[in-house]
Protein backbone atom coordinates (compact mmCIF):
# COMPACT_ATOMS: atom_id res chain seq x y z
CA UNK A 1 -149.80 -121.37 -75.04
CA UNK A 2 -151.32 -122.25 -71.82
CA UNK A 3 -151.45 -125.31 -69.56
CA UNK A 4 -154.94 -126.71 -69.33
CA UNK A 5 -154.68 -130.00 -67.67
CA UNK A 6 -152.16 -132.47 -66.38
CA UNK A 7 -151.98 -136.04 -65.42
CA UNK A 8 -149.50 -138.54 -64.28
CA UNK A 9 -149.45 -142.19 -62.94
CA UNK A 10 -147.55 -143.36 -60.02
CA UNK A 11 -143.86 -143.82 -60.76
CA UNK A 12 -142.79 -147.32 -59.77
CA UNK A 13 -142.69 -151.00 -60.66
CA UNK A 14 -146.28 -151.52 -61.56
CA UNK A 15 -146.92 -154.14 -64.36
CA UNK A 16 -149.45 -152.08 -66.43
CA UNK A 17 -148.69 -151.89 -70.35
CA UNK A 18 -147.43 -149.08 -72.10
CA UNK A 19 -151.07 -148.41 -73.33
CA UNK A 20 -152.38 -148.58 -69.89
CA UNK A 21 -149.89 -146.09 -68.30
CA UNK A 22 -150.77 -143.68 -71.26
CA UNK A 23 -154.34 -143.98 -70.87
CA UNK A 24 -154.18 -143.41 -67.12
CA UNK A 25 -152.16 -140.36 -67.36
CA UNK A 26 -154.08 -138.98 -70.36
CA UNK A 27 -157.44 -139.54 -68.78
CA UNK A 28 -156.32 -137.91 -65.66
CA UNK A 29 -155.11 -134.75 -67.87
CA UNK A 30 -158.45 -134.61 -69.67
CA UNK A 31 -160.34 -134.57 -66.49
CA UNK A 32 -158.27 -131.87 -65.12
CA UNK A 33 -158.76 -129.90 -68.33
CA UNK A 34 -162.50 -130.76 -68.31
CA UNK A 35 -161.99 -131.99 -71.97
CA UNK A 36 -162.78 -135.09 -74.02
CA UNK A 37 -160.35 -136.62 -76.66
CA UNK A 38 -162.70 -134.96 -79.31
CA UNK A 39 -161.18 -131.75 -78.18
CA UNK A 40 -157.61 -132.55 -78.94
CA UNK A 41 -156.17 -131.42 -82.45
CA UNK A 42 -152.85 -132.89 -82.28
CA UNK A 43 -150.53 -135.24 -80.09
CA UNK A 44 -147.05 -135.12 -79.25
CA UNK A 45 -145.69 -138.46 -77.65
CA UNK A 46 -142.33 -139.01 -76.15
CA UNK A 47 -140.65 -142.50 -75.62
CA UNK A 48 -137.45 -143.96 -76.10
CA UNK A 49 -138.69 -147.04 -77.98
CA UNK A 50 -141.10 -149.81 -77.07
CA UNK A 51 -138.34 -152.27 -77.15
CA UNK A 52 -137.34 -151.12 -73.78
CA UNK A 53 -140.70 -151.96 -72.32
CA UNK A 54 -140.51 -155.62 -73.36
CA UNK A 55 -143.44 -155.39 -75.54
CA UNK A 56 -141.43 -155.32 -78.67
CA UNK A 57 -143.54 -152.93 -80.42
CA UNK A 58 -142.58 -149.78 -82.54
CA UNK A 59 -144.60 -146.96 -84.10
CA UNK A 60 -145.87 -145.45 -80.86
CA UNK A 61 -147.72 -142.71 -82.88
CA UNK A 62 -149.82 -145.49 -84.46
CA UNK A 63 -150.47 -147.05 -81.13
CA UNK A 64 -151.74 -143.89 -79.89
CA UNK A 65 -153.97 -143.36 -83.01
CA UNK A 66 -155.46 -146.83 -82.40
CA UNK A 67 -155.88 -146.15 -78.62
CA UNK A 68 -157.73 -142.75 -78.92
CA UNK A 69 -159.31 -143.40 -82.34
CA UNK A 70 -157.78 -140.20 -83.42
CA UNK A 71 -157.08 -139.27 -86.96
CA UNK A 72 -154.94 -136.15 -86.16
CA UNK A 73 -151.27 -135.25 -86.53
CA UNK A 74 -149.16 -137.31 -83.94
CA UNK A 75 -145.73 -136.73 -83.60
CA UNK A 76 -142.92 -138.55 -81.43
CA UNK A 77 -140.22 -136.51 -79.85
CA UNK A 78 -136.94 -138.53 -79.25
CA UNK A 79 -134.48 -137.00 -77.24
CA UNK A 80 -134.18 -139.93 -74.68
CA UNK A 81 -133.99 -138.40 -71.13
CA UNK A 82 -134.83 -135.08 -72.74
CA UNK A 83 -137.78 -136.30 -74.69
CA UNK A 84 -140.43 -135.06 -72.50
CA UNK A 85 -139.14 -131.40 -72.38
CA UNK A 86 -138.69 -131.64 -76.15
CA UNK A 87 -142.30 -132.83 -76.55
CA UNK A 88 -143.55 -129.88 -74.51
CA UNK A 89 -141.36 -127.56 -76.62
CA UNK A 90 -142.69 -129.09 -79.92
CA UNK A 91 -146.34 -129.17 -78.80
CA UNK A 92 -145.87 -125.22 -77.88
CA UNK A 93 -144.56 -124.48 -81.41
CA UNK A 94 -147.04 -126.32 -83.42
CA UNK A 95 -149.90 -123.79 -83.71
CA UNK A 96 -152.74 -126.22 -82.95
CA UNK A 97 -155.59 -125.22 -80.68
CA UNK A 98 -155.36 -128.16 -78.14
CA UNK A 99 -152.32 -130.39 -78.03
CA UNK A 100 -151.93 -133.53 -75.70
CA UNK A 101 -148.41 -134.33 -74.86
CA UNK A 102 -147.84 -137.85 -73.23
CA UNK A 103 -144.65 -139.87 -72.48
CA UNK A 104 -144.40 -143.28 -71.24
CA UNK A 105 -141.60 -145.81 -70.15
CA UNK A 106 -141.56 -149.22 -68.78
CA UNK A 107 -137.98 -149.53 -67.65
CA UNK A 108 -138.43 -152.05 -65.09
CA UNK A 109 -140.24 -154.46 -67.32
CA UNK A 110 -137.29 -155.54 -69.34
CA UNK A 111 -133.80 -156.87 -68.66
CA UNK A 112 -131.25 -154.49 -67.42
CA UNK A 113 -129.08 -154.76 -70.37
CA UNK A 114 -131.68 -153.84 -72.96
CA UNK A 115 -133.04 -151.15 -70.79
CA UNK A 116 -129.35 -149.72 -70.43
CA UNK A 117 -128.78 -149.92 -74.06
CA UNK A 118 -131.92 -148.07 -74.98
CA UNK A 119 -130.91 -145.31 -72.49
CA UNK A 120 -127.33 -145.05 -73.81
CA UNK A 121 -128.80 -144.07 -77.51
CA UNK A 122 -128.29 -140.56 -75.79
CA UNK A 123 -124.57 -141.01 -75.51
CA UNK A 124 -121.60 -141.48 -77.92
CA UNK A 125 -121.27 -145.08 -78.86
CA UNK A 126 -118.08 -145.65 -80.78
CA UNK A 127 -115.59 -144.13 -78.35
CA UNK A 128 -116.91 -143.35 -74.99
CA UNK A 129 -119.21 -146.24 -74.50
CA UNK A 130 -116.65 -148.60 -76.01
CA UNK A 131 -114.29 -147.61 -73.13
CA UNK A 132 -117.00 -147.91 -70.56
CA UNK A 133 -117.76 -144.46 -70.32
CA UNK A 134 -121.54 -144.84 -69.61
CA UNK A 135 -123.57 -142.38 -67.77
CA UNK A 136 -122.53 -143.20 -64.28
CA UNK A 137 -118.63 -143.19 -65.16
CA UNK A 138 -119.20 -139.81 -67.14
CA UNK A 139 -120.90 -138.17 -64.21
CA UNK A 140 -118.30 -139.49 -61.78
CA UNK A 141 -115.76 -137.72 -63.91
CA UNK A 142 -117.75 -134.48 -63.84
CA UNK A 143 -118.18 -134.80 -60.08
CA UNK A 144 -114.41 -135.27 -59.69
CA UNK A 145 -113.69 -132.22 -61.69
CA UNK A 146 -116.22 -130.08 -59.99
CA UNK A 147 -114.96 -131.22 -56.56
CA UNK A 148 -111.30 -130.45 -57.53
CA UNK A 149 -112.01 -126.97 -59.10
CA UNK A 150 -114.80 -125.59 -56.70
CA UNK A 151 -114.22 -127.43 -53.38
CA UNK A 152 -117.56 -129.46 -53.43
CA UNK A 153 -117.56 -132.63 -51.44
CA UNK A 154 -119.52 -135.91 -51.47
CA UNK A 155 -121.38 -134.71 -48.40
CA UNK A 156 -122.83 -131.91 -50.62
CA UNK A 157 -124.09 -134.47 -53.17
CA UNK A 158 -125.46 -136.50 -50.11
CA UNK A 159 -127.50 -133.46 -48.95
CA UNK A 160 -129.04 -133.27 -52.46
CA UNK A 161 -130.08 -136.83 -52.49
CA UNK A 162 -131.45 -136.45 -48.95
CA UNK A 163 -133.31 -133.37 -49.88
CA UNK A 164 -135.07 -135.05 -52.73
CA UNK A 165 -135.74 -138.21 -50.82
CA UNK A 166 -137.40 -136.03 -48.06
CA UNK A 167 -139.78 -134.42 -50.84
CA UNK A 168 -140.34 -137.64 -52.30
CA UNK A 169 -141.53 -139.22 -49.05
CA UNK A 170 -144.30 -136.62 -49.23
CA UNK A 171 -145.35 -137.26 -52.79
CA UNK A 172 -148.01 -140.06 -53.49
CA UNK A 173 -147.01 -140.16 -57.12
CA UNK A 174 -143.25 -140.73 -56.18
CA UNK A 175 -141.35 -144.11 -56.20
CA UNK A 176 -140.14 -143.49 -52.63
CA UNK A 177 -143.45 -142.12 -51.18
CA UNK A 178 -143.44 -142.96 -47.41
CA UNK A 179 -140.14 -144.55 -47.74
CA UNK A 180 -137.72 -143.08 -45.28
CA UNK A 181 -134.13 -142.71 -46.24
CA UNK A 182 -131.57 -141.36 -43.82
CA UNK A 183 -128.57 -139.22 -44.65
CA UNK A 184 -126.35 -142.21 -43.09
CA UNK A 185 -128.04 -144.75 -45.55
CA UNK A 186 -126.99 -142.28 -48.49
CA UNK A 187 -123.63 -141.85 -47.36
CA UNK A 188 -123.16 -145.56 -46.73
CA UNK A 189 -124.58 -146.79 -49.92
CA UNK A 190 -122.62 -148.73 -52.47
CA UNK A 191 -119.97 -146.81 -54.58
CA UNK A 192 -121.13 -147.06 -58.21
CA UNK A 193 -118.33 -144.85 -59.93
CA UNK A 194 -116.26 -142.78 -57.54
CA UNK A 195 -117.27 -140.50 -55.99
CA UNK A 196 -120.95 -141.30 -56.88
CA UNK A 197 -122.62 -143.73 -54.66
CA UNK A 198 -126.04 -145.63 -55.28
CA UNK A 199 -128.09 -142.82 -53.71
CA UNK A 200 -126.44 -140.42 -56.20
CA UNK A 201 -128.00 -141.87 -59.07
CA UNK A 202 -131.53 -141.50 -60.33
CA UNK A 203 -134.27 -144.20 -60.35
CA UNK A 204 -135.25 -145.99 -63.43
CA UNK A 205 -139.04 -146.55 -63.07
CA UNK A 206 -142.38 -147.30 -64.95
CA UNK A 207 -144.72 -144.55 -65.43
CA UNK A 208 -146.37 -141.91 -67.81
CA UNK A 209 -147.30 -138.34 -67.60
CA UNK A 210 -149.36 -135.93 -69.83
CA UNK A 211 -150.15 -132.34 -70.21
CA UNK A 212 -152.63 -130.57 -72.52
CA UNK A 213 -151.48 -127.32 -73.78
CA UNK A 214 -154.06 -124.89 -75.24
CA UNK A 215 -154.27 -121.60 -76.82
CA UNK A 216 -157.10 -120.66 -74.69
CA UNK A 217 -156.24 -118.31 -71.69
CA UNK A 218 -156.05 -120.48 -68.49
CA UNK A 219 -154.38 -119.93 -65.18
CA UNK A 220 -150.85 -121.01 -66.29
CA UNK A 221 -148.91 -119.50 -69.30
CA UNK A 222 -145.88 -121.05 -70.90
CA UNK A 223 -144.04 -117.84 -70.66
CA UNK A 224 -140.71 -119.01 -71.89
CA UNK A 225 -139.76 -122.21 -73.90
CA UNK A 226 -136.49 -122.92 -75.12
CA UNK A 227 -134.54 -125.84 -76.78
CA UNK A 228 -130.86 -126.00 -77.37
CA UNK A 229 -128.65 -128.71 -78.80
CA UNK A 230 -124.91 -129.41 -78.05
CA UNK A 231 -122.40 -131.95 -79.00
CA UNK A 232 -123.27 -135.70 -78.24
CA UNK A 233 -119.85 -136.54 -76.68
CA UNK A 234 -119.66 -135.57 -73.10
CA UNK A 235 -115.83 -135.00 -73.53
CA UNK A 236 -116.09 -132.63 -76.51
CA UNK A 237 -117.51 -130.15 -73.92
CA UNK A 238 -115.19 -127.20 -73.19
CA UNK A 239 -115.83 -127.31 -69.78
CA UNK A 240 -117.01 -130.63 -68.04
CA UNK A 241 -118.35 -128.73 -65.06
CA UNK A 242 -121.08 -126.94 -67.23
CA UNK A 243 -123.54 -127.71 -69.84
CA UNK A 244 -123.58 -124.90 -72.32
CA UNK A 245 -127.09 -126.01 -73.70
CA UNK A 246 -128.40 -125.60 -70.20
CA UNK A 247 -126.98 -121.96 -69.91
CA UNK A 248 -128.26 -120.92 -73.50
CA UNK A 249 -131.56 -122.46 -72.96
CA UNK A 250 -132.11 -120.78 -69.83
CA UNK A 251 -131.01 -117.32 -71.12
CA UNK A 252 -133.33 -117.66 -73.96
CA UNK A 253 -136.40 -118.75 -71.66
CA UNK A 254 -135.68 -115.87 -69.29
CA UNK A 255 -135.75 -113.64 -72.19
CA UNK A 256 -138.97 -114.75 -73.61
CA UNK A 257 -140.63 -114.53 -70.11
CA UNK A 258 -139.04 -111.16 -69.45
CA UNK A 259 -137.71 -112.44 -66.23
CA UNK A 260 -134.55 -113.20 -64.36
CA UNK A 261 -133.33 -116.17 -62.33
CA UNK A 262 -134.32 -114.20 -59.17
CA UNK A 263 -138.00 -114.14 -60.20
CA UNK A 264 -138.38 -118.00 -59.97
CA UNK A 265 -140.25 -119.31 -57.11
CA UNK A 266 -140.00 -123.17 -57.57
CA UNK A 267 -137.96 -125.34 -59.87
CA UNK A 268 -137.67 -128.72 -61.28
CA UNK A 269 -134.28 -129.44 -62.32
CA UNK A 270 -132.79 -132.65 -64.11
CA UNK A 271 -131.12 -134.28 -61.30
CA UNK A 272 -130.02 -137.62 -63.08
CA UNK A 273 -127.24 -137.54 -60.70
CA UNK A 274 -126.67 -135.45 -57.66
CA UNK A 275 -123.69 -133.22 -59.10
CA UNK A 276 -125.89 -132.44 -62.06
CA UNK A 277 -128.45 -130.87 -59.74
CA UNK A 278 -125.49 -128.72 -57.98
CA UNK A 279 -124.01 -127.76 -61.46
CA UNK A 280 -127.44 -126.78 -62.75
CA UNK A 281 -128.12 -124.17 -60.04
CA UNK A 282 -125.09 -122.34 -61.63
CA UNK A 283 -125.89 -123.12 -65.15
CA UNK A 284 -129.48 -121.71 -64.57
CA UNK A 285 -128.20 -118.54 -63.06
CA UNK A 286 -129.56 -119.23 -59.48
CA UNK A 287 -126.06 -118.53 -58.33
CA UNK A 288 -122.35 -117.94 -59.62
CA UNK A 289 -120.11 -120.56 -60.98
CA UNK A 290 -118.56 -122.63 -58.08
CA UNK A 291 -121.20 -121.57 -55.59
CA UNK A 292 -123.97 -124.26 -56.19
CA UNK A 293 -122.49 -126.04 -52.99
CA UNK A 294 -123.66 -123.14 -50.84
CA UNK A 295 -127.17 -123.23 -51.99
CA UNK A 296 -127.43 -126.81 -50.78
CA UNK A 297 -125.35 -126.29 -47.63
CA UNK A 298 -127.50 -123.27 -46.63
CA UNK A 299 -130.82 -125.05 -47.23
CA UNK A 300 -131.85 -122.48 -50.13
CA UNK A 301 -133.20 -125.12 -52.33
CA UNK A 302 -134.96 -127.25 -49.45
CA UNK A 303 -138.80 -127.25 -49.30
CA UNK A 304 -138.78 -124.38 -46.90
CA UNK A 305 -136.06 -122.36 -48.63
CA UNK A 306 -135.87 -119.35 -50.71
CA UNK A 307 -135.78 -121.24 -53.93
CA UNK A 308 -137.24 -124.85 -53.57
CA UNK A 309 -135.85 -127.29 -55.90
CA UNK A 310 -137.27 -130.71 -57.12
CA UNK A 311 -140.27 -130.63 -54.56
CA UNK A 312 -141.47 -133.62 -56.38
CA UNK A 313 -138.59 -135.54 -55.20
CA UNK A 314 -136.90 -135.19 -58.59
CA UNK A 315 -135.38 -137.77 -60.86
CA UNK A 316 -133.61 -139.01 -57.74
CA UNK A 317 -136.42 -140.20 -55.61
CA UNK A 318 -139.68 -139.48 -57.42
CA UNK A 319 -138.13 -141.59 -60.41
CA UNK A 320 -137.02 -141.10 -64.03
CA UNK A 321 -139.09 -142.80 -66.55
CA UNK A 322 -136.95 -141.30 -69.27
CA UNK A 323 -139.13 -139.85 -71.90
CA UNK A 324 -141.91 -138.92 -69.54
CA UNK A 325 -139.71 -136.98 -67.15
CA UNK A 326 -139.86 -133.53 -68.71
CA UNK A 327 -143.66 -133.69 -68.94
CA UNK A 328 -143.89 -134.98 -65.21
CA UNK A 329 -141.75 -131.76 -64.36
CA UNK A 330 -144.69 -129.58 -65.87
CA UNK A 331 -147.12 -131.82 -64.05
CA UNK A 332 -145.51 -131.12 -60.60
CA UNK A 333 -145.10 -127.47 -61.23
CA UNK A 334 -148.74 -126.94 -62.40
CA UNK A 335 -149.76 -128.59 -59.14
CA UNK A 336 -147.53 -126.23 -57.18
CA UNK A 337 -149.04 -123.09 -58.94
CA UNK A 338 -152.57 -124.35 -58.54
CA UNK A 339 -151.91 -124.91 -54.78
CA UNK A 340 -152.58 -128.66 -55.15
CA UNK A 341 -149.11 -129.98 -53.93
CA UNK A 342 -150.41 -131.15 -50.52
CA UNK A 343 -147.66 -131.34 -47.84
CA UNK A 344 -144.92 -130.38 -50.38
CA UNK A 345 -146.81 -127.06 -51.23
CA UNK A 346 -144.57 -123.90 -51.61
CA UNK A 347 -146.06 -120.61 -50.86
CA UNK A 348 -147.05 -117.99 -53.49
CA UNK A 349 -145.74 -119.63 -56.47
CA UNK A 350 -146.07 -117.17 -59.34
CA UNK A 351 -143.10 -118.19 -61.66
CA UNK A 352 -141.85 -121.90 -61.97
CA UNK A 353 -138.99 -123.45 -64.16
CA UNK A 354 -138.58 -126.92 -65.60
CA UNK A 355 -135.18 -128.05 -66.74
CA UNK A 356 -134.74 -131.15 -68.82
CA UNK A 357 -131.55 -132.72 -70.19
CA UNK A 358 -130.94 -135.38 -72.86
CA UNK A 359 -127.70 -137.31 -72.94
CA UNK A 360 -124.67 -135.58 -71.52
CA UNK A 361 -126.19 -132.15 -72.00
CA UNK A 362 -126.49 -132.70 -75.70
CA UNK A 363 -130.26 -131.63 -75.65
CA UNK A 364 -131.70 -129.36 -73.19
CA UNK A 365 -135.12 -127.78 -72.69
CA UNK A 366 -136.10 -124.95 -70.24
CA UNK A 367 -139.81 -123.99 -69.70
CA UNK A 368 -140.98 -121.17 -67.64
CA UNK A 369 -144.67 -121.22 -66.37
CA UNK A 370 -146.24 -117.90 -65.33
CA UNK A 371 -149.32 -117.79 -63.10
CA UNK A 372 -151.69 -115.33 -65.08
CA UNK A 373 -152.16 -112.12 -63.40
CA UNK A 374 -148.82 -112.25 -61.57
């Protein structure tokens, strides 16, 4: 399959309804593809649950059918934070000519308790959450283990946040567009779960993203598309400082694309928490185990580095509308490959990688985009 068109709303605190967000992202994708809705053969949506939006509605597939007046197959892919990537993977496997993939969330339009509860559907309820091990606490323990074993420091995590905020400053679609954040602010921000501070954690936002995948040959091919599922509980993992599903999904995607990690020119990684980005450098094969800290220290992953990572600002500073995130990653990479990324443009992007995690590494997708003719 190929990427025909992409669209995305600004990620932020806008008060648009879910339908309005979906409509905006979809219309932009259709315009980008030079398509009409009549050209769409199937739809794959991604949303946690409209309960989290405060609209108190279920049946998102039926909502989309009513919105677009389409009587075509409509599936909803639900992997919470990994739902967007899962939706891309599903659309790539369906066999239809032209598939619309769209994800939407309104996380800032409900109370914090309800939104948090929806997000925590991706985690183990009976034992971990009952003892307070929600995602910030889980990832704090991961960070502690990683620091202990491999000598990383909180300064390394702060550099990840600073890099991603610097990129988001240049991204008109990002929550932190033109909002300057200094390294000092990051290091002095309140502790959420030691060693993680406020600026080590991704942003809940409202927003939507859409992509149109097609069998018609375009300028961007989905050369690799892989999904792996692992244990639900974070503490069933054999190694807390690695996500096996990330490693397996990456290996499979590289194999499908006939590429190696060194071929990737730009990547969008799932930086729900800053240590996750550092560990993902390793899981995806960009460096050896324990050496992710050097990639951020040396500036390898900076906008002007050898392998720019999260040029959009990432989940950290662009924002993380849960189910829309994996689709937004494809949006940003397509813009890079088409030289439409503005001040964030990376030179000579032929191969790009999107990495989307659901839960504590329980569902992971890796997609490799290839510029046709590269």
